[in-house]
Amino acid sequence: MTADDALSHAEQALLEHAAFGRTAVAAGAFTACLATGDADALMHVAVPSGPEPVDWGASVEALVSLGREHGIVPRLEFMGELHPSLGAALERRGFVRASADPVMTADLRAALGSASPAPAGYRRLRGDEGALVVAFVKTQAAAFGMPAATGYAFLDRLQATLARGRSMAAALIEDGAPVAGAVLQLGSSGWSELAGVFTVPARRRQGLAAAVCAGLLAEARAAGHGHAWLSAAENARELYARLGFREVGTQLNYRYAPFSAPAP
């Protein structure tokens, strides 16, 4: 499989997960996935959905208009190598690049690298475990340096995807609290995204994140899921390489800067 093939599968899985539980609206060559109610800004996202236009200008303008209509900040997530001219088109219209992260993929039918089996305390989460799922998202947000409110913004979504079999999540539990965890967002095509991998600061560099990821990926493989992908933090590439992931490209995230400023 070529790098572009892997990126294409990953982007399709990204769009599928983004659309789950949200309202999907066409905006030119994008599909905008809008959360309902008083949602956190991160809950709205657009992804290219083709066919690729010769000129992105009209599609970018349609996305800006959609954001203005719904009172939200337009955001895009996409694979840079698949759309080489999109970033420049966005920047001409006032978007700024929020992040650029390596995309890595793994064939789960192969061995999961050299990571050790999950230790005692490894636990799969269920959507109906209210207190544990709340503790999971709260600890996850804190580990990423985010306010608890950001974690809570994703709480209902995580519970819904767990209950509907659209995601898997696992944590390492010590003294009744999660100290490391990860989420696997399951795609219908067999491509699933490993996301939200965290370890509390006091327990970092002890192999806990690798252990929980290895356990979660092994369970996904046993359930018949064939491939996984992720966008890696710069300092986490080695961890994922040990689990069998290889780098294939870059995920770019853009937001519309004029809508980001506070209203007067």
Protein backbone atom coordinates (compact mmCIF):
# COMPACT_ATOMS: atom_id res chain seq x y z
CA MET A 1 0.00 0.00 0.00
CA THR A 2 1.38 3.41 -0.95
CA ALA A 3 1.63 6.33 1.47
CA ASP A 4 -1.11 8.19 -0.45
CA ASP A 5 -3.41 5.16 -0.23
CA ALA A 6 -2.88 5.00 3.52
CA LEU A 7 -3.50 8.75 3.87
CA SER A 8 -6.68 8.48 1.81
CA HIS A 9 -8.02 5.69 4.05
CA ALA A 10 -7.11 7.70 7.14
CA GLU A 11 -8.82 10.85 5.86
CA GLN A 12 -11.98 8.93 5.01
CA ALA A 13 -11.98 7.46 8.52
CA LEU A 14 -11.43 10.97 9.91
CA LEU A 15 -14.51 12.22 8.06
CA GLU A 16 -16.62 9.24 9.13
CA HIS A 17 -15.84 9.80 12.79
CA ALA A 18 -16.31 13.58 12.50
CA ALA A 19 -19.79 13.05 11.04
CA PHE A 20 -20.94 10.67 13.79
CA GLY A 21 -23.56 12.37 15.95
CA ARG A 22 -23.15 15.67 14.10
CA THR A 23 -25.00 17.38 11.25
CA ALA A 24 -23.07 16.94 8.00
CA VAL A 25 -23.39 19.91 5.64
CA ALA A 26 -21.82 20.20 2.19
CA ALA A 27 -19.65 23.29 1.66
CA GLY A 28 -18.12 23.07 -1.77
CA ALA A 29 -15.52 20.31 -1.76
CA PHE A 30 -15.76 20.00 2.05
CA THR A 31 -18.16 18.29 4.39
CA ALA A 32 -18.66 20.38 7.53
CA CYS A 33 -19.66 18.36 10.59
CA LEU A 34 -21.58 20.61 12.98
CA ALA A 35 -22.29 19.73 16.59
CA THR A 36 -25.68 20.58 18.00
CA GLY A 37 -26.49 22.79 20.95
CA ASP A 38 -24.00 25.00 22.79
CA ALA A 39 -20.98 22.97 21.71
CA ASP A 40 -17.31 23.66 22.29
CA ALA A 41 -15.62 25.18 19.23
CA LEU A 42 -13.49 22.05 18.83
CA MET A 43 -16.64 20.01 18.22
CA HIS A 44 -17.18 21.55 14.76
CA VAL A 45 -14.86 20.41 11.97
CA ALA A 46 -14.74 20.19 8.19
CA VAL A 47 -12.90 17.61 6.07
CA PRO A 48 -12.32 17.49 2.29
CA SER A 49 -14.81 15.12 0.69
CA GLY A 50 -13.95 15.54 -3.02
CA PRO A 51 -13.79 15.59 -5.86
CA GLU A 52 -10.66 17.73 -5.75
CA PRO A 53 -11.35 21.16 -7.31
CA VAL A 54 -8.94 22.89 -9.65
CA ASP A 55 -9.33 26.04 -7.54
CA TRP A 56 -10.17 25.78 -3.83
CA GLY A 57 -11.35 29.40 -3.62
CA ALA A 58 -15.10 28.81 -4.02
CA SER A 59 -15.09 25.92 -1.52
CA VAL A 60 -13.15 27.92 1.05
CA GLU A 61 -15.59 30.81 0.64
CA ALA A 62 -18.53 28.43 1.08
CA LEU A 63 -17.00 27.20 4.35
CA VAL A 64 -16.52 30.75 5.63
CA SER A 65 -20.14 31.57 4.76
CA LEU A 66 -21.33 28.44 6.55
CA GLY A 67 -19.39 29.43 9.65
CA ARG A 68 -20.88 32.92 9.57
CA GLU A 69 -24.39 31.47 9.14
CA HIS A 70 -24.03 29.16 12.15
CA GLY A 71 -21.94 31.49 14.30
CA ILE A 72 -18.96 29.14 14.55
CA VAL A 73 -15.25 29.32 13.77
CA PRO A 74 -14.61 27.24 10.62
CA ARG A 75 -12.02 24.52 11.21
CA LEU A 76 -10.50 22.04 8.78
CA GLU A 77 -8.54 18.84 9.28
CA PHE A 78 -6.95 17.10 6.29
CA MET A 79 -3.93 15.19 5.02
CA GLY A 80 -1.50 17.69 3.54
CA GLU A 81 0.03 15.42 0.92
CA LEU A 82 -3.39 14.62 -0.56
CA HIS A 83 -4.27 18.33 -1.02
CA PRO A 84 -1.00 20.17 -1.71
CA SER A 85 -2.60 23.48 -2.73
CA LEU A 86 -5.28 23.64 -0.03
CA GLY A 87 -3.16 25.17 2.72
CA ALA A 88 -2.16 28.16 0.59
CA ALA A 89 -5.77 28.70 -0.49
CA LEU A 90 -6.90 28.72 3.15
CA GLU A 91 -4.19 31.15 4.20
CA ARG A 92 -5.13 33.56 1.40
CA ARG A 93 -8.64 33.69 2.87
CA GLY A 94 -7.51 34.35 6.46
CA PHE A 95 -7.13 30.85 7.90
CA VAL A 96 -4.16 30.06 10.10
CA ARG A 97 -2.49 26.72 10.55
CA ALA A 98 -3.09 25.52 14.10
CA SER A 99 -1.00 22.35 13.87
CA ALA A 100 0.92 20.04 11.56
CA ASP A 101 1.41 16.54 12.93
CA PRO A 102 3.01 13.40 11.50
CA VAL A 103 0.48 10.77 10.37
CA MET A 104 1.47 7.19 11.17
CA THR A 105 -0.31 3.98 10.20
CA ALA A 106 -0.11 0.34 11.27
CA ASP A 107 -1.35 -2.96 9.89
CA LEU A 108 -2.94 -4.60 12.92
CA ARG A 109 -2.77 -8.00 11.27
CA ALA A 110 1.01 -7.85 11.72
CA ALA A 111 2.76 -8.10 15.07
CA LEU A 112 2.38 -5.05 17.31
CA GLY A 113 6.07 -4.36 17.64
CA SER A 114 8.03 -4.94 20.81
CA ALA A 115 5.67 -3.35 23.34
CA SER A 116 5.03 -5.38 26.49
CA PRO A 117 1.57 -6.79 27.26
CA ALA A 118 -0.77 -4.56 29.24
CA PRO A 119 0.06 -4.79 32.96
CA ALA A 120 -2.27 -5.29 35.88
CA GLY A 121 -4.75 -2.45 36.08
CA TYR A 122 -5.51 -2.42 32.34
CA ARG A 123 -9.22 -1.80 31.93
CA ARG A 124 -11.56 -1.39 28.95
CA LEU A 125 -14.12 1.37 29.48
CA ARG A 126 -17.85 1.03 28.89
CA GLY A 127 -20.19 3.85 27.97
CA ASP A 128 -22.37 3.20 31.01
CA GLU A 129 -19.51 3.58 33.51
CA GLY A 130 -20.34 7.19 34.23
CA ALA A 131 -17.92 7.97 37.05
CA LEU A 132 -14.97 6.22 35.42
CA VAL A 133 -15.54 7.83 32.01
CA VAL A 134 -15.79 11.26 33.68
CA ALA A 135 -12.53 10.61 35.52
CA PHE A 136 -10.98 9.47 32.24
CA VAL A 137 -11.81 12.64 30.28
CA LYS A 138 -10.94 14.91 33.23
CA THR A 139 -7.54 13.25 33.69
CA GLN A 140 -6.94 13.22 29.95
CA ALA A 141 -7.61 16.95 29.66
CA ALA A 142 -5.32 17.72 32.61
CA ALA A 143 -2.55 15.58 31.11
CA PHE A 144 -2.79 17.66 27.92
CA GLY A 145 -2.71 20.91 29.90
CA MET A 146 -6.33 21.71 29.05
CA PRO A 147 -9.10 22.88 31.40
CA ALA A 148 -11.50 20.24 32.64
CA ALA A 149 -14.28 21.95 30.67
CA THR A 150 -12.57 20.93 27.42
CA GLY A 151 -12.59 17.30 28.51
CA TYR A 152 -16.22 17.52 29.55
CA ALA A 153 -17.08 18.91 26.10
CA PHE A 154 -16.17 15.50 24.68
CA LEU A 155 -17.74 13.45 27.48
CA ASP A 156 -21.16 12.86 25.90
CA ARG A 157 -19.54 12.02 22.57
CA LEU A 158 -17.18 9.48 24.11
CA GLN A 159 -20.01 7.84 26.04
CA ALA A 160 -22.15 7.71 22.89
CA THR A 161 -19.43 6.20 20.70
CA LEU A 162 -18.58 3.63 23.36
CA ALA A 163 -22.23 2.66 23.76
CA ARG A 164 -22.74 2.39 19.98
CA GLY A 165 -19.58 0.39 19.37
CA ARG A 166 -18.02 3.23 17.41
CA SER A 167 -15.02 3.52 19.70
CA MET A 168 -12.96 1.58 22.20
CA ALA A 169 -11.20 3.12 25.18
CA ALA A 170 -8.89 1.73 27.81
CA ALA A 171 -7.06 2.98 30.86
CA LEU A 172 -4.57 1.82 33.43
CA ILE A 173 -6.25 2.15 36.82
CA GLU A 174 -4.33 2.71 40.04
CA ASP A 175 -6.09 3.28 43.36
CA GLY A 176 -9.36 3.59 41.47
CA ALA A 177 -8.16 6.39 39.16
CA PRO A 178 -6.83 6.37 35.57
CA VAL A 179 -3.12 7.13 35.21
CA ALA A 180 -2.84 6.44 31.47
CA GLY A 181 -5.34 5.87 28.69
CA ALA A 182 -6.19 5.94 25.01
CA VAL A 183 -9.17 5.91 22.66
CA LEU A 184 -9.54 4.01 19.39
CA GLN A 185 -12.15 5.54 17.07
CA LEU A 186 -13.44 2.65 14.97
CA GLY A 187 -14.06 3.08 11.25
CA SER A 188 -16.45 0.98 9.18
CA SER A 189 -13.77 0.44 6.53
CA GLY A 190 -11.43 -1.24 9.01
CA TRP A 191 -9.34 1.91 9.57
CA SER A 192 -9.43 3.22 13.14
CA GLU A 193 -7.81 6.26 14.73
CA LEU A 194 -5.75 5.94 17.89
CA ALA A 195 -6.28 9.23 19.72
CA GLY A 196 -6.21 10.93 23.08
CA VAL A 197 -3.24 8.93 24.39
CA PHE A 198 -2.21 10.29 27.79
CA THR A 199 -0.22 9.58 30.93
CA VAL A 200 -0.44 11.66 34.10
CA PRO A 201 2.76 13.71 34.59
CA ALA A 202 3.95 11.82 37.66
CA ARG A 203 3.94 8.48 35.82
CA ARG A 204 5.48 9.45 32.49
CA ARG A 205 8.48 7.67 30.92
CA GLN A 206 7.51 4.37 32.53
CA GLY A 207 6.00 2.68 29.48
CA LEU A 208 2.39 3.08 30.61
CA ALA A 209 1.12 4.73 27.42
CA ALA A 210 2.78 2.07 25.27
CA ALA A 211 1.25 -0.65 27.44
CA VAL A 212 -2.30 0.66 27.26
CA CYS A 213 -2.03 1.30 23.50
CA ALA A 214 -0.69 -2.21 22.91
CA GLY A 215 -3.56 -3.71 24.87
CA LEU A 216 -6.17 -1.64 23.06
CA LEU A 217 -4.74 -2.37 19.60
CA ALA A 218 -4.52 -6.08 20.38
CA GLU A 219 -8.20 -6.09 21.34
CA ALA A 220 -9.07 -4.24 18.13
CA ARG A 221 -7.13 -6.76 16.07
CA ALA A 222 -8.90 -9.64 17.81
CA ALA A 223 -12.23 -7.97 16.95
CA GLY A 224 -11.29 -7.91 13.25
CA HIS A 225 -10.11 -4.33 12.76
CA GLY A 226 -7.31 -4.33 10.20
CA HIS A 227 -5.56 -0.95 10.31
CA ALA A 228 -4.93 1.92 12.69
CA TRP A 229 -3.73 5.46 12.13
CA LEU A 230 -2.86 8.42 14.30
CA SER A 231 -1.47 11.94 14.23
CA ALA A 232 1.55 11.85 16.49
CA ALA A 233 2.92 14.42 18.88
CA GLU A 234 6.51 15.18 17.97
CA ASN A 235 7.94 13.48 21.06
CA ALA A 236 5.76 10.35 20.68
CA ARG A 237 6.96 9.02 17.32
CA GLU A 238 9.31 6.51 18.92
CA LEU A 239 6.53 5.14 21.13
CA TYR A 240 4.27 4.49 18.14
CA ALA A 241 7.12 3.09 16.04
CA ARG A 242 7.62 0.43 18.73
CA LEU A 243 3.97 -0.49 18.32
CA GLY A 244 4.43 -1.05 14.57
CA PHE A 245 3.36 2.34 13.18
CA ARG A 246 5.21 3.97 10.27
CA GLU A 247 5.10 7.58 9.16
CA VAL A 248 3.23 8.25 5.89
CA GLY A 249 2.45 11.97 5.82
CA THR A 250 1.13 15.01 7.69
CA GLN A 251 -2.23 16.01 9.14
CA LEU A 252 -2.89 19.75 8.94
CA ASN A 253 -5.41 21.59 11.11
CA TYR A 254 -6.56 25.10 10.12
CA ARG A 255 -8.97 27.56 11.72
CA TYR A 256 -10.45 30.80 10.41
CA ALA A 257 -8.64 33.59 12.24
CA PRO A 258 -11.13 36.49 11.74
CA PHE A 259 -13.86 34.53 13.55
CA SER A 260 -11.49 33.65 16.37
CA ALA A 261 -11.17 37.19 17.75
CA PRO A 262 -13.60 38.25 20.51
CA ALA A 263 -16.56 40.26 19.30
CA PRO A 264 -16.41 43.99 20.26
